[in-house]
Amino acid sequence: MSDYLAFLDARRQEHENSGFKPIWLPDTLMDFQAYMTEWAIVKGRSALLEDCGLGKTFQQLVWAENVVRHTNRPVMILAPLAVTQQTAREAVKFGVEARVSHDGTVYPGVNITNYEKLHYFDHTDFAGCVCDESAILKSFDGTRRKQITDFMRKMSYRLLCTATAAPNEYTELGTSSEALGYLSYHDMLSRFFKNNQNDSISARMFKNGRVVRGQLDDNAKWRFKGHAEVPFWQWICSWARAVRKPSDIGFDDGQFILPPLVEYQHFVHAKTLPQGKLFALPAIGLAEQREERRRTIDERCGMAAELVNKTGKAAVVWCHLNDEGDLLEDLIPDSVQISGKDDDDAKEEKILAFLDGKARVLVTKGKIGAWGLNFQHCAHSVSFPTHSFEEYYQSIRRFYRFGQKQSVRSDIVTTEGEKAVLANLQRKSVAADKMFADLTAHMNNALHIDRSSDPITAEEIPSWL
């Protein structure tokens, strides 16, 4: 019987701790932050899926410092380009020795670099690695994910930190599991999910003689197997913690109760109509939406500039097209634009200029500046609608986070033709809120499930047998 119970335990896919007891937990950590950091250190390979503004940077710095002290070897923190200098500044504030390196130089203690510079470094030089804003791993067929996963593969200590690990589907958690060295993405699907093709394997497509799995979720809609939902959350809980607010794990929300977030929608009238149309109608399909966006650049940018020029306060205007960014920079006198053509040093310099108040308005694309930065000095966001809820959510959370003292205003500027894009964004927002709430609830329930299956009473044979 004991052998059988041992066999069942082995099949649960619940992983033993591979870390160590914390060596240093500074008093400046809040109670819930200390709890999350200690758990991650003891776990060894883990993910902190905490909402924006809950102090993941501080927690990952403390985690990294503990690994440095435990192993006497360097630790790498990978972050988006715009976040590297900010992380270094936070390290100074919290008393952690950390240095930014972009050329492959390895310093004692904590090293910080951006994902684009990872190829300069050798994984054997580090005892552990932190992936800040690890949502980048969701591009499961991307070269960046493979590079990061390969870099971390043989490290004993790994930490993933993100607020949007699975904004669209639970299955996206598989990329995080794979990076941490647990079940691979496809092994996770086979164990816990089935699809509308009634199998556990993704439909494979062939292109130029090679297998392509990039359209996995488009070909197969994945859902839990009948028995698998509770075991799935038990497995996730074995390597991750998800938190939107401290009270999710039993602590007081206190200072994390934020001022109001107010969203305004502004519809501008296009000066021209689509070719062959007598009336302005919602654009259907990506091709028409792109045409609408390009045709109405002047009108939309004019409204966006009007919204920020009349306030005299700090603001960020998020754009999608290079032409939008250039026009906004011209229309807003005291603005600075960060664009893809800027080199890394120029991008960091402009971000610091906005943070230090030298530039009142920042103009940039969401994919450049919407992840990881702290803009609590600013409470005004202006954007154009996008199909990416994750990008919109992250952009708002640059302002709407712990430390924000003002009510945050979000202005969305659109046209009649892009109503469908705005409606899709709103639909995804509702779905994402429900998904994260469900994720947190499921994980907390799974944490309290008694996983013991040991019998507590002896079986008795009925007297009538």
Protein backbone atom coordinates (compact mmCIF):
# COMPACT_ATOMS: atom_id res chain seq x y z
CA MET A 1 0.00 0.00 0.00
CA SER A 2 2.80 2.45 0.86
CA ASP A 3 4.43 1.80 -2.53
CA TYR A 4 1.15 2.64 -4.28
CA LEU A 5 0.75 5.88 -2.29
CA ALA A 6 4.31 6.82 -3.17
CA PHE A 7 3.46 6.16 -6.83
CA LEU A 8 0.42 8.48 -6.61
CA ASP A 9 2.51 11.20 -4.96
CA ALA A 10 5.04 10.99 -7.80
CA ARG A 11 2.25 11.37 -10.38
CA ARG A 12 0.83 14.58 -8.86
CA GLN A 13 3.40 16.80 -10.61
CA GLU A 14 3.80 18.78 -7.38
CA HIS A 15 7.43 19.72 -7.07
CA GLU A 16 9.61 19.75 -4.00
CA ASN A 17 11.37 22.93 -2.93
CA SER A 18 14.83 23.38 -4.41
CA GLY A 19 15.76 26.66 -2.72
CA PHE A 20 16.99 27.61 0.74
CA LYS A 21 15.96 29.57 3.80
CA PRO A 22 16.25 33.35 3.30
CA ILE A 23 19.51 34.88 4.44
CA TRP A 24 18.31 38.50 4.24
CA LEU A 25 14.78 39.91 4.36
CA PRO A 26 14.93 43.69 4.89
CA ASP A 27 12.45 45.28 7.28
CA THR A 28 11.33 47.63 4.50
CA LEU A 29 9.52 44.75 2.78
CA MET A 30 5.80 44.95 3.45
CA ASP A 31 4.23 41.93 5.12
CA PHE A 32 2.80 40.39 1.97
CA GLN A 33 6.01 41.17 0.03
CA ALA A 34 8.09 39.39 2.67
CA TYR A 35 5.74 36.40 2.48
CA MET A 36 5.97 36.21 -1.34
CA THR A 37 9.75 36.73 -1.38
CA GLU A 38 10.43 34.14 1.29
CA TRP A 39 8.24 31.61 -0.54
CA ALA A 40 10.10 32.26 -3.82
CA ILE A 41 13.53 31.87 -2.16
CA VAL A 42 12.54 28.61 -0.49
CA LYS A 43 10.97 27.35 -3.72
CA GLY A 44 14.07 27.98 -5.82
CA ARG A 45 12.33 28.01 -9.21
CA SER A 46 9.10 29.97 -9.11
CA ALA A 47 6.85 32.65 -10.61
CA LEU A 48 5.39 35.72 -8.89
CA LEU A 49 2.26 36.67 -10.86
CA GLU A 50 1.55 39.92 -9.02
CA ASP A 51 -0.42 42.85 -10.36
CA CYS A 52 1.34 46.06 -11.34
CA GLY A 53 2.47 48.23 -8.44
CA LEU A 54 2.78 45.53 -5.78
CA GLY A 55 6.56 45.84 -5.54
CA LYS A 56 7.84 43.02 -7.75
CA THR A 57 11.08 44.96 -8.43
CA PHE A 58 11.92 45.13 -4.72
CA GLN A 59 11.02 41.47 -4.26
CA GLN A 60 13.14 40.30 -7.18
CA LEU A 61 16.11 42.36 -5.99
CA VAL A 62 15.88 40.78 -2.53
CA TRP A 63 15.52 37.33 -4.13
CA ALA A 64 18.59 37.94 -6.30
CA GLU A 65 20.65 39.25 -3.36
CA ASN A 66 19.80 36.13 -1.36
CA VAL A 67 20.96 33.87 -4.20
CA VAL A 68 24.20 35.90 -4.46
CA ARG A 69 24.87 35.51 -0.74
CA HIS A 70 23.93 31.82 -0.74
CA THR A 71 26.07 30.84 -3.75
CA ASN A 72 28.72 33.59 -3.73
CA ARG A 73 28.11 33.89 -7.48
CA PRO A 74 26.49 36.57 -9.70
CA VAL A 75 22.78 36.64 -10.56
CA MET A 76 21.25 38.07 -13.74
CA ILE A 77 18.08 40.19 -13.89
CA LEU A 78 16.59 40.40 -17.39
CA ALA A 79 14.24 43.31 -18.01
CA PRO A 80 12.79 45.35 -20.88
CA LEU A 81 15.18 48.03 -22.10
CA ALA A 82 13.22 50.89 -20.58
CA VAL A 83 13.27 49.22 -17.15
CA THR A 84 16.97 48.40 -16.67
CA GLN A 85 18.06 51.82 -15.36
CA GLN A 86 14.95 52.08 -13.22
CA THR A 87 15.75 48.71 -11.62
CA ALA A 88 19.30 49.90 -10.92
CA ARG A 89 17.94 53.05 -9.26
CA GLU A 90 15.57 50.97 -7.14
CA ALA A 91 18.50 48.75 -6.10
CA VAL A 92 20.38 51.77 -4.74
CA LYS A 93 17.28 52.85 -2.81
CA PHE A 94 16.86 49.38 -1.27
CA GLY A 95 20.54 48.81 -0.48
CA VAL A 96 21.23 46.08 -3.06
CA GLU A 97 24.48 46.14 -5.03
CA ALA A 98 23.40 45.92 -8.67
CA ARG A 99 24.95 47.14 -11.92
CA VAL A 100 23.68 47.46 -15.48
CA SER A 101 25.70 45.66 -18.15
CA HIS A 102 25.00 45.78 -21.88
CA ASP A 103 28.23 44.34 -23.32
CA GLY A 104 28.66 40.95 -21.63
CA THR A 105 30.69 42.23 -18.68
CA VAL A 106 29.80 40.27 -15.54
CA TYR A 107 30.03 42.15 -12.24
CA PRO A 108 30.03 40.66 -8.74
CA GLY A 109 26.57 40.55 -7.22
CA VAL A 110 23.43 41.41 -9.17
CA ASN A 111 23.73 42.17 -12.89
CA ILE A 112 20.95 43.83 -14.91
CA THR A 113 20.55 43.79 -18.67
CA ASN A 114 17.75 44.01 -21.21
CA TYR A 115 16.47 41.03 -23.17
CA GLU A 116 17.97 42.30 -26.42
CA LYS A 117 21.51 42.07 -24.94
CA LEU A 118 21.20 38.56 -23.53
CA HIS A 119 23.27 37.01 -26.36
CA TYR A 120 26.37 38.77 -24.99
CA PHE A 121 26.30 36.71 -21.77
CA ASP A 122 27.26 33.13 -20.86
CA HIS A 123 24.76 31.32 -18.63
CA THR A 124 27.56 29.46 -16.82
CA ASP A 125 28.66 32.74 -15.21
CA PHE A 126 25.47 33.00 -13.15
CA ALA A 127 23.91 31.08 -10.28
CA GLY A 128 20.40 32.35 -10.96
CA CYS A 129 18.26 34.45 -13.24
CA VAL A 130 15.23 36.73 -12.87
CA CYS A 131 12.93 37.46 -15.81
CA ASP A 132 11.17 40.75 -15.13
CA GLU A 133 8.02 41.27 -17.22
CA SER A 134 8.27 37.61 -18.20
CA ALA A 135 5.08 37.86 -20.27
CA ILE A 136 7.47 38.00 -23.22
CA LEU A 137 7.72 34.21 -22.86
CA LYS A 138 4.18 33.79 -24.19
CA SER A 139 5.54 34.02 -27.73
CA PHE A 140 6.03 30.27 -27.50
CA ASP A 141 7.33 29.90 -31.06
CA GLY A 142 9.57 32.98 -30.85
CA THR A 143 13.34 33.04 -30.95
CA ARG A 144 13.41 35.28 -27.87
CA ARG A 145 11.59 32.70 -25.74
CA LYS A 146 13.94 29.95 -26.86
CA GLN A 147 16.97 32.10 -26.12
CA ILE A 148 15.74 32.93 -22.62
CA THR A 149 14.69 29.36 -21.86
CA ASP A 150 18.05 28.00 -23.03
CA PHE A 151 19.90 30.61 -20.95
CA MET A 152 18.05 29.57 -17.79
CA ARG A 153 17.78 25.86 -18.47
CA LYS A 154 20.57 24.58 -16.20
CA MET A 155 20.30 27.19 -13.45
CA SER A 156 19.22 26.02 -10.01
CA TYR A 157 17.56 29.34 -9.14
CA ARG A 158 15.02 30.99 -11.44
CA LEU A 159 12.32 33.59 -10.90
CA LEU A 160 9.65 34.92 -13.27
CA CYS A 161 7.83 38.15 -12.45
CA THR A 162 4.86 39.51 -14.39
CA ALA A 163 1.40 40.95 -13.94
CA THR A 164 -0.01 39.45 -17.15
CA ALA A 165 1.16 35.85 -17.36
CA ALA A 166 -2.06 34.67 -19.02
CA PRO A 167 -4.21 37.59 -20.19
CA ASN A 168 -5.95 35.48 -22.83
CA GLU A 169 -5.87 31.79 -21.89
CA TYR A 170 -4.87 29.64 -18.93
CA THR A 171 -2.80 27.58 -21.38
CA GLU A 172 -0.33 30.49 -21.65
CA LEU A 173 0.93 29.53 -18.18
CA GLY A 174 2.66 26.60 -19.88
CA THR A 175 5.40 28.83 -21.28
CA SER A 176 6.26 29.96 -17.74
CA SER A 177 6.33 26.36 -16.53
CA GLU A 178 8.69 25.40 -19.32
CA ALA A 179 11.08 28.28 -18.56
CA LEU A 180 11.21 27.21 -14.91
CA GLY A 181 12.07 23.62 -15.84
CA TYR A 182 8.76 21.99 -14.97
CA LEU A 183 6.32 20.61 -17.54
CA SER A 184 6.86 21.79 -21.10
CA TYR A 185 4.07 23.70 -22.82
CA HIS A 186 2.92 20.68 -24.81
CA ASP A 187 3.30 18.26 -21.89
CA MET A 188 1.04 20.56 -19.88
CA LEU A 189 -1.57 20.54 -22.63
CA SER A 190 -1.47 16.75 -22.88
CA ARG A 191 -1.85 16.28 -19.13
CA PHE A 192 -4.58 18.78 -18.28
CA PHE A 193 -6.36 19.92 -21.46
CA LYS A 194 -8.20 18.67 -24.52
CA ASN A 195 -9.27 20.55 -27.62
CA ASN A 196 -12.19 20.72 -29.99
CA GLN A 197 -10.47 18.15 -32.21
CA ASN A 198 -10.84 15.71 -29.29
CA ASP A 199 -7.14 15.04 -28.92
CA SER A 200 -4.34 16.30 -26.72
CA ILE A 201 -1.88 17.18 -29.44
CA SER A 202 -1.87 20.41 -31.37
CA ALA A 203 -2.74 20.26 -35.04
CA ARG A 204 0.62 20.47 -36.77
CA MET A 205 1.03 22.52 -39.89
CA PHE A 206 3.83 22.19 -42.40
CA LYS A 207 5.56 25.04 -44.17
CA ASN A 208 8.57 24.55 -46.40
CA GLY A 209 8.97 21.03 -45.04
CA ARG A 210 9.12 22.17 -41.40
CA VAL A 211 6.62 21.74 -38.60
CA VAL A 212 5.05 25.06 -37.58
CA ARG A 213 3.12 25.34 -34.31
CA GLY A 214 2.68 29.10 -34.23
CA GLN A 215 -1.08 28.88 -34.78
CA LEU A 216 -1.74 26.33 -32.06
CA ASP A 217 -4.47 28.27 -30.26
CA ASP A 218 -6.13 29.28 -33.52
CA ASN A 219 -6.47 25.67 -34.63
CA ALA A 220 -7.57 24.18 -31.33
CA LYS A 221 -9.68 25.67 -28.56
CA TRP A 222 -8.33 24.17 -25.38
CA ARG A 223 -10.43 23.32 -22.33
CA PHE A 224 -9.88 21.33 -19.17
CA LYS A 225 -10.23 17.57 -19.24
CA GLY A 226 -13.12 16.43 -17.09
CA HIS A 227 -10.97 15.44 -14.10
CA ALA A 228 -8.17 17.95 -14.50
CA GLU A 229 -9.22 21.41 -13.28
CA VAL A 230 -8.43 20.97 -9.57
CA PRO A 231 -5.17 19.05 -10.26
CA PHE A 232 -4.17 21.79 -12.71
CA TRP A 233 -4.45 24.52 -10.06
CA GLN A 234 -2.69 22.34 -7.51
CA TRP A 235 0.15 21.99 -10.00
CA ILE A 236 0.27 25.74 -10.73
CA CYS A 237 0.34 26.41 -6.98
CA SER A 238 3.40 24.18 -6.69
CA TRP A 239 5.50 26.77 -8.56
CA ALA A 240 3.55 30.08 -8.77
CA ARG A 241 1.61 32.59 -6.72
CA ALA A 242 -0.98 34.97 -8.25
CA VAL A 243 -1.97 38.16 -6.44
CA ARG A 244 -3.95 41.23 -7.51
CA LYS A 245 -4.08 42.81 -4.08
CA PRO A 246 -2.60 41.85 -0.68
CA SER A 247 -5.98 40.66 0.63
CA ASP A 248 -5.90 37.86 -1.97
CA ILE A 249 -3.41 36.09 0.29
CA GLY A 250 -4.79 37.22 3.61
CA PHE A 251 -3.04 40.57 4.18
CA ASP A 252 -4.48 44.06 4.57
CA ASP A 253 -4.83 46.12 1.38
CA GLY A 254 -4.05 49.34 3.27
CA GLN A 255 -2.07 51.72 1.04
CA PHE A 256 -2.87 49.67 -2.06
CA ILE A 257 -6.42 51.04 -2.21
CA LEU A 258 -5.97 53.46 -5.13
CA PRO A 259 -7.71 56.70 -6.14
CA PRO A 260 -10.35 56.44 -8.91
CA LEU A 261 -9.47 55.54 -12.49
CA VAL A 262 -11.70 57.47 -14.92
CA GLU A 263 -11.92 56.57 -18.61
CA TYR A 264 -13.19 58.94 -21.30
CA GLN A 265 -13.92 58.11 -24.93
CA HIS A 266 -13.55 60.75 -27.64
CA PHE A 267 -14.94 60.20 -31.14
CA VAL A 268 -13.54 62.42 -33.89
CA HIS A 269 -15.09 62.82 -37.33
CA ALA A 270 -12.94 61.80 -40.26
CA LYS A 271 -12.43 64.52 -42.86
CA THR A 272 -12.45 61.95 -45.66
CA LEU A 273 -14.48 58.81 -46.32
CA PRO A 274 -13.17 55.37 -47.25
CA GLN A 275 -12.81 54.91 -50.98
CA GLY A 276 -16.14 54.04 -52.55
CA LYS A 277 -18.18 54.79 -49.38
CA LEU A 278 -20.89 57.44 -48.97
CA PHE A 279 -21.01 57.22 -45.16
CA ALA A 280 -18.57 56.63 -42.31
CA LEU A 281 -19.11 53.03 -41.23
CA PRO A 282 -17.23 50.78 -38.77
CA ALA A 283 -14.22 49.21 -40.44
CA ILE A 284 -14.50 45.45 -40.88
CA GLY A 285 -11.36 43.35 -40.76
CA LEU A 286 -7.75 44.31 -40.13
CA ALA A 287 -7.17 45.72 -43.61
CA GLU A 288 -10.02 48.24 -43.32
CA GLN A 289 -9.02 49.10 -39.75
CA ARG A 290 -5.44 49.82 -40.80
CA GLU A 291 -6.70 52.00 -43.67
CA GLU A 292 -8.98 53.88 -41.27
CA ARG A 293 -6.11 54.43 -38.85
CA ARG A 294 -3.81 55.85 -41.49
CA ARG A 295 -6.51 57.98 -43.13
CA THR A 296 -7.45 59.68 -39.84
CA ILE A 297 -3.99 60.40 -38.39
CA ASP A 298 -4.44 64.18 -38.51
CA GLU A 299 -7.84 64.18 -36.82
CA ARG A 300 -6.93 61.74 -34.04
CA CYS A 301 -3.55 63.28 -33.28
CA GLY A 302 -5.09 66.74 -33.25
CA MET A 303 -7.58 65.67 -30.60
CA ALA A 304 -4.88 63.89 -28.55
CA ALA A 305 -2.66 66.98 -28.60
CA GLU A 306 -5.58 69.20 -27.57
CA LEU A 307 -6.28 66.96 -24.57
CA VAL A 308 -2.74 67.25 -23.16
CA ASN A 309 -1.81 70.78 -24.25
CA LYS A 310 -4.54 72.43 -22.20
CA THR A 311 -3.62 70.80 -18.86
CA GLY A 312 -0.05 71.92 -18.25
CA LYS A 313 0.49 68.63 -16.39
CA ALA A 314 2.54 65.51 -17.12
CA ALA A 315 0.99 63.09 -19.61
CA VAL A 316 1.83 60.14 -21.83
CA VAL A 317 0.40 59.78 -25.33
CA TRP A 318 0.53 56.23 -26.66
CA CYS A 319 0.65 55.81 -30.45
CA HIS A 320 0.79 52.89 -32.89
CA LEU A 321 2.33 54.36 -36.07
CA ASN A 322 5.58 56.23 -36.63
CA ASP A 323 3.66 58.98 -38.46
CA GLU A 324 1.42 59.39 -35.40
CA GLY A 325 4.42 59.78 -33.13
CA ASP A 326 6.10 62.35 -35.39
CA LEU A 327 2.93 64.43 -35.73
CA LEU A 328 2.20 64.33 -31.99
CA GLU A 329 5.74 65.49 -31.23
CA ASP A 330 5.19 68.49 -33.54
CA LEU A 331 1.75 69.30 -32.10
CA ILE A 332 2.84 69.10 -28.43
CA PRO A 333 5.61 71.67 -27.89
CA ASP A 334 7.01 70.35 -24.59
CA SER A 335 7.02 66.67 -25.55
CA VAL A 336 9.70 64.09 -26.20
CA GLN A 337 9.19 61.08 -28.45
CA ILE A 338 10.75 57.64 -27.96
CA SER A 339 10.66 55.71 -31.23
CA GLY A 340 12.09 52.49 -32.59
CA LYS A 341 14.80 54.37 -34.50
CA ASP A 342 16.34 55.64 -31.24
CA ASP A 343 19.31 53.66 -29.98
CA ASP A 344 19.22 52.15 -26.51
CA ASP A 345 21.07 55.03 -24.86
CA ALA A 346 18.75 57.61 -26.41
CA LYS A 347 15.66 55.72 -25.24
CA GLU A 348 16.94 55.54 -21.68
CA GLU A 349 17.92 59.21 -21.73
CA LYS A 350 14.44 60.28 -22.86
CA ILE A 351 12.70 58.10 -20.28
CA LEU A 352 14.83 59.62 -17.53
CA ALA A 353 14.05 63.11 -18.86
CA PHE A 354 10.33 62.39 -18.47
CA LEU A 355 10.78 60.83 -15.03
CA ASP A 356 12.84 63.82 -13.85
CA GLY A 357 10.31 66.35 -15.17
CA LYS A 358 12.56 67.76 -17.90
CA ALA A 359 9.93 66.74 -20.49
CA ARG A 360 6.26 67.27 -19.61
CA VAL A 361 4.75 64.87 -22.18
CA LEU A 362 6.09 61.53 -23.35
CA VAL A 363 5.06 60.21 -26.78
CA THR A 364 5.81 56.56 -27.49
CA LYS A 365 4.41 53.20 -28.56
CA GLY A 366 3.03 50.73 -26.06
CA LYS A 367 5.46 48.02 -27.12
CA ILE A 368 8.34 50.36 -26.19
CA GLY A 369 7.24 51.88 -22.90
CA ALA A 370 4.16 50.09 -21.56
CA TRP A 371 5.98 47.43 -19.51
CA GLY A 372 7.66 47.82 -16.15
CA LEU A 373 8.08 51.58 -15.80
CA ASN A 374 6.82 53.61 -12.83
CA PHE A 375 5.14 56.90 -13.78
CA GLN A 376 3.34 57.76 -10.54
CA HIS A 377 4.26 61.43 -11.02
CA CYS A 378 1.87 61.40 -13.99
CA ALA A 379 -1.90 60.77 -13.91
CA HIS A 380 -2.97 61.32 -17.51
CA SER A 381 -2.89 58.80 -20.35
CA VAL A 382 -4.07 59.40 -23.93
CA SER A 383 -4.24 56.47 -26.34
CA PHE A 384 -5.80 55.13 -29.50
CA PRO A 385 -7.72 51.83 -29.31
CA THR A 386 -5.88 48.57 -29.88
CA HIS A 387 -6.82 44.90 -30.12
CA SER A 388 -4.18 44.11 -27.47
CA PHE A 389 -5.78 44.33 -24.04
CA GLU A 390 -2.44 43.43 -22.43
CA GLU A 391 -0.76 46.46 -24.01
CA TYR A 392 -3.58 48.79 -22.93
CA TYR A 393 -3.70 47.38 -19.40
CA GLN A 394 0.05 47.66 -18.96
CA SER A 395 0.08 51.22 -20.30
CA ILE A 396 -2.56 52.36 -17.78
CA ARG A 397 -0.74 50.58 -14.96
CA ARG A 398 2.34 52.74 -15.50
CA PHE A 399 0.34 55.43 -13.62
CA TYR A 400 -2.40 53.56 -11.77
CA ARG A 401 -0.29 51.79 -9.16
CA PHE A 402 0.95 52.00 -5.57
CA GLY A 403 2.17 55.50 -4.80
CA GLN A 404 -0.33 57.27 -7.07
CA LYS A 405 -1.98 60.08 -5.11
CA GLN A 406 -4.17 61.53 -7.87
CA SER A 407 -7.20 60.29 -9.76
CA VAL A 408 -5.92 58.82 -13.04
CA ARG A 409 -7.52 59.93 -16.31
CA SER A 410 -7.47 57.72 -19.41
CA ASP A 411 -8.57 59.33 -22.68
CA ILE A 412 -9.20 57.04 -25.64
CA VAL A 413 -9.41 58.82 -28.99
CA THR A 414 -11.06 56.99 -31.87
CA THR A 415 -13.21 57.35 -34.98
CA GLU A 416 -16.45 55.86 -36.20
CA GLY A 417 -14.48 53.38 -38.27
CA GLU A 418 -12.57 52.03 -35.24
CA LYS A 419 -15.60 51.44 -33.03
CA ALA A 420 -15.18 47.70 -33.52
CA VAL A 421 -11.59 47.87 -32.22
CA LEU A 422 -12.73 49.75 -29.11
CA ALA A 423 -15.58 47.26 -28.55
CA ASN A 424 -13.13 44.35 -28.83
CA LEU A 425 -10.79 46.00 -26.31
CA GLN A 426 -13.66 46.47 -23.87
CA ARG A 427 -14.76 42.85 -24.30
CA LYS A 428 -11.23 41.62 -23.61
CA SER A 429 -11.03 43.86 -20.54
CA VAL A 430 -14.11 42.26 -19.00
CA ALA A 431 -12.87 38.76 -19.90
CA ALA A 432 -9.39 39.41 -18.50
CA ASP A 433 -10.78 40.75 -15.22
CA LYS A 434 -12.86 37.61 -14.82
CA MET A 435 -9.96 35.36 -15.79
CA PHE A 436 -7.54 36.84 -13.27
CA ALA A 437 -10.19 36.80 -10.56
CA ASP A 438 -10.88 33.14 -11.34
CA LEU A 439 -7.15 32.39 -11.46
CA THR A 440 -6.59 33.94 -8.04
CA ALA A 441 -9.63 32.22 -6.54
CA HIS A 442 -8.70 28.82 -7.99
CA MET A 443 -5.13 29.13 -6.76
CA ASN A 444 -6.18 30.15 -3.26
CA ASN A 445 -8.66 27.28 -3.13
CA ALA A 446 -5.99 24.87 -4.32
CA LEU A 447 -3.63 26.09 -1.59
CA HIS A 448 -6.15 24.98 1.03
CA ILE A 449 -6.98 21.59 -0.46
CA ASP A 450 -5.87 18.67 1.68
CA ARG A 451 -3.68 16.67 -0.66
CA SER A 452 -3.29 13.76 1.76
CA SER A 453 -4.91 10.49 0.71
CA ASP A 454 -3.77 8.40 3.66
CA PRO A 455 -6.65 6.32 5.09
CA ILE A 456 -7.57 7.29 8.65
CA THR A 457 -9.87 4.36 9.45
CA ALA A 458 -9.49 0.66 8.87
CA GLU A 459 -11.92 -1.06 6.53
CA GLU A 460 -14.46 -3.31 8.21
CA ILE A 461 -16.10 -6.32 6.63
CA PRO A 462 -19.92 -6.18 7.02
CA SER A 463 -21.23 -8.80 9.49
CA TRP A 464 -23.64 -10.20 6.91
CA LEU A 465 -20.83 -11.37 4.59
